Amino acid sequence: MTTTLPSWRDPSRDVEEREGHPDDAGVYVRSAPVDRWAPEGASDRIVVFVAGFRHTNRPEDDWPDEVIAENVDPGYTSQVKLPVKDARRLAAALLTAADRAEGL
């Protein structure tokens, strides 16, 4: 692999992509969870992490890193509705993930 992988990644979460056109080969990278918790009254856990894709042969085509929060709308439609303490925790987790993605 000729690309530089980010320092925030967790190698155990890497997924190599080799199918398709050789220019599209690379690795999906993902950090360990920045935070994860189940809001009050919810069975699904919110999980915040950083993710990206690094091309093997064409680093100029790498995808921008993203901060991802999974399960942020347990049981609701197109909105986040959390108790104040969970909203504050989500905000802190997103800020920490953004700092990691920017190498801070």
C-alpha atoms as a PDB file:
ATOM      1  CA  MET A   1       0.000   0.000   0.000  1.00  0.00           C
ATOM      2  CA  THR A   2       1.480   3.345  -1.030  1.00  0.00           C
ATOM      3  CA  THR A   3      -0.930   5.626   0.834  1.00  0.00           C
ATOM      4  CA  THR A   4      -0.480   7.178   4.253  1.00  0.00           C
ATOM      5  CA  LEU A   5      -2.937   5.923   6.822  1.00  0.00           C
ATOM      6  CA  PRO A   6      -4.231   8.299   9.523  1.00  0.00           C
ATOM      7  CA  SER A   7      -2.884   8.067  13.065  1.00  0.00           C
ATOM      8  CA  TRP A   8      -6.401   7.937  14.504  1.00  0.00           C
ATOM      9  CA  ARG A   9      -7.346   4.697  12.756  1.00  0.00           C
ATOM     10  CA  ASP A  10      -7.814   1.392  14.547  1.00  0.00           C
ATOM     11  CA  PRO A  11      -6.122  -1.209  12.268  1.00  0.00           C
ATOM     12  CA  SER A  12      -8.492  -3.922  13.522  1.00  0.00           C
ATOM     13  CA  ARG A  13     -11.357  -1.999  11.860  1.00  0.00           C
ATOM     14  CA  ASP A  14      -9.669  -1.629   8.426  1.00  0.00           C
ATOM     15  CA  VAL A  15     -11.532  -3.110   5.448  1.00  0.00           C
ATOM     16  CA  GLU A  16      -9.581  -3.503   2.211  1.00  0.00           C
ATOM     17  CA  GLU A  17     -11.324  -2.808  -1.087  1.00  0.00           C
ATOM     18  CA  ARG A  18      -9.752  -4.664  -4.034  1.00  0.00           C
ATOM     19  CA  GLU A  19     -12.756  -5.441  -6.242  1.00  0.00           C
ATOM     20  CA  GLY A  20     -13.535  -3.342  -9.266  1.00  0.00           C
ATOM     21  CA  HIS A  21     -11.159  -1.008 -11.069  1.00  0.00           C
ATOM     22  CA  PRO A  22      -7.533  -0.981  -9.779  1.00  0.00           C
ATOM     23  CA  ASP A  23      -7.675   2.821  -9.381  1.00  0.00           C
ATOM     24  CA  ASP A  24     -10.455   2.336  -6.825  1.00  0.00           C
ATOM     25  CA  ALA A  25      -8.480  -0.072  -4.631  1.00  0.00           C
ATOM     26  CA  GLY A  26      -7.791   1.043  -1.106  1.00  0.00           C
ATOM     27  CA  VAL A  27      -8.813   0.689   2.496  1.00  0.00           C
ATOM     28  CA  TYR A  28     -11.770   1.900   4.509  1.00  0.00           C
ATOM     29  CA  VAL A  29     -10.368   3.174   7.796  1.00  0.00           C
ATOM     30  CA  ARG A  30     -12.247   3.676  11.036  1.00  0.00           C
ATOM     31  CA  SER A  31     -11.252   4.819  14.496  1.00  0.00           C
ATOM     32  CA  ALA A  32     -12.097   3.069  17.689  1.00  0.00           C
ATOM     33  CA  PRO A  33     -15.272   4.557  19.150  1.00  0.00           C
ATOM     34  CA  VAL A  34     -14.723   8.042  20.542  1.00  0.00           C
ATOM     35  CA  ASP A  35     -17.725   7.426  22.773  1.00  0.00           C
ATOM     36  CA  ARG A  36     -20.707   5.102  22.952  1.00  0.00           C
ATOM     37  CA  TRP A  37     -23.679   5.052  25.251  1.00  0.00           C
ATOM     38  CA  ALA A  38     -27.389   4.268  25.392  1.00  0.00           C
ATOM     39  CA  PRO A  39     -29.532   7.358  25.996  1.00  0.00           C
ATOM     40  CA  GLU A  40     -32.179   7.098  28.670  1.00  0.00           C
ATOM     41  CA  GLY A  41     -35.104   5.029  27.427  1.00  0.00           C
ATOM     42  CA  ALA A  42     -33.290   3.801  24.304  1.00  0.00           C
ATOM     43  CA  SER A  43     -32.100   0.284  23.577  1.00  0.00           C
ATOM     44  CA  ASP A  44     -29.666   1.285  20.795  1.00  0.00           C
ATOM     45  CA  ARG A  45     -26.311   2.788  21.720  1.00  0.00           C
ATOM     46  CA  ILE A  46     -25.089   5.992  20.118  1.00  0.00           C
ATOM     47  CA  VAL A  47     -21.600   5.395  18.726  1.00  0.00           C
ATOM     48  CA  VAL A  48     -19.310   8.243  17.586  1.00  0.00           C
ATOM     49  CA  PHE A  49     -16.208   7.521  15.482  1.00  0.00           C
ATOM     50  CA  VAL A  50     -14.033   8.845  12.630  1.00  0.00           C
ATOM     51  CA  ALA A  51     -14.005   7.133   9.220  1.00  0.00           C
ATOM     52  CA  GLY A  52     -12.436   7.606   5.806  1.00  0.00           C
ATOM     53  CA  PHE A  53     -11.125   5.886   2.694  1.00  0.00           C
ATOM     54  CA  ARG A  54      -7.522   5.831   1.480  1.00  0.00           C
ATOM     55  CA  HIS A  55      -6.772   4.852  -2.123  1.00  0.00           C
ATOM     56  CA  THR A  56      -3.862   2.495  -2.619  1.00  0.00           C
ATOM     57  CA  ASN A  57      -2.459   4.073  -5.785  1.00  0.00           C
ATOM     58  CA  ARG A  58      -4.127   7.483  -6.005  1.00  0.00           C
ATOM     59  CA  PRO A  59      -3.985   9.344  -2.665  1.00  0.00           C
ATOM     60  CA  GLU A  60      -5.219  12.511  -4.375  1.00  0.00           C
ATOM     61  CA  ASP A  61      -8.602  10.747  -4.658  1.00  0.00           C
ATOM     62  CA  ASP A  62      -8.852   9.908  -0.945  1.00  0.00           C
ATOM     63  CA  TRP A  63     -12.239  10.701   0.558  1.00  0.00           C
ATOM     64  CA  PRO A  64     -12.467  13.402   3.223  1.00  0.00           C
ATOM     65  CA  ASP A  65     -12.524  12.004   6.743  1.00  0.00           C
ATOM     66  CA  GLU A  66     -15.918  12.085   8.399  1.00  0.00           C
ATOM     67  CA  VAL A  67     -17.150  12.096  11.965  1.00  0.00           C
ATOM     68  CA  ILE A  68     -19.989   9.606  12.213  1.00  0.00           C
ATOM     69  CA  ALA A  69     -22.584   9.268  14.946  1.00  0.00           C
ATOM     70  CA  GLU A  70     -24.610   6.077  14.605  1.00  0.00           C
ATOM     71  CA  ASN A  71     -28.014   5.493  16.185  1.00  0.00           C
ATOM     72  CA  VAL A  72     -28.589   9.156  17.023  1.00  0.00           C
ATOM     73  CA  ASP A  73     -32.298   8.950  16.328  1.00  0.00           C
ATOM     74  CA  PRO A  74     -33.500   5.923  18.291  1.00  0.00           C
ATOM     75  CA  GLY A  75     -37.131   5.536  17.315  1.00  0.00           C
ATOM     76  CA  TYR A  76     -37.584   9.029  15.854  1.00  0.00           C
ATOM     77  CA  THR A  77     -37.899  10.269  12.276  1.00  0.00           C
ATOM     78  CA  SER A  78     -35.212  12.602  10.855  1.00  0.00           C
ATOM     79  CA  GLN A  79     -34.381  14.266  14.137  1.00  0.00           C
ATOM     80  CA  VAL A  80     -32.252  13.896  17.202  1.00  0.00           C
ATOM     81  CA  LYS A  81     -34.254  14.092  20.389  1.00  0.00           C
ATOM     82  CA  LEU A  82     -32.153  13.463  23.467  1.00  0.00           C
ATOM     83  CA  PRO A  83     -32.263  14.388  27.145  1.00  0.00           C
ATOM     84  CA  VAL A  84     -29.966  17.341  27.929  1.00  0.00           C
ATOM     85  CA  LYS A  85     -27.230  15.178  29.501  1.00  0.00           C
ATOM     86  CA  ASP A  86     -27.135  12.923  26.401  1.00  0.00           C
ATOM     87  CA  ALA A  87     -27.148  15.925  24.047  1.00  0.00           C
ATOM     88  CA  ARG A  88     -24.141  17.362  25.909  1.00  0.00           C
ATOM     89  CA  ARG A  89     -22.337  14.013  25.748  1.00  0.00           C
ATOM     90  CA  LEU A  90     -22.998  13.710  22.008  1.00  0.00           C
ATOM     91  CA  ALA A  91     -21.662  17.239  21.477  1.00  0.00           C
ATOM     92  CA  ALA A  92     -18.485  16.448  23.434  1.00  0.00           C
ATOM     93  CA  ALA A  93     -17.962  13.178  21.532  1.00  0.00           C
ATOM     94  CA  LEU A  94     -18.402  14.932  18.162  1.00  0.00           C
ATOM     95  CA  LEU A  95     -15.880  17.638  19.116  1.00  0.00           C
ATOM     96  CA  THR A  96     -13.349  15.025  20.243  1.00  0.00           C
ATOM     97  CA  ALA A  97     -13.804  13.049  17.015  1.00  0.00           C
ATOM     98  CA  ALA A  98     -13.390  16.216  14.924  1.00  0.00           C
ATOM     99  CA  ASP A  99     -10.150  17.018  16.775  1.00  0.00           C
ATOM    100  CA  ARG A 100      -8.850  13.510  16.061  1.00  0.00           C
ATOM    101  CA  ALA A 101      -9.793  13.771  12.393  1.00  0.00           C
ATOM    102  CA  GLU A 102      -7.835  17.046  12.151  1.00  0.00           C
ATOM    103  CA  GLY A 103      -4.829  15.558  13.950  1.00  0.00           C
ATOM    104  CA  LEU A 104      -5.206  17.696  17.083  1.00  0.00           C
END
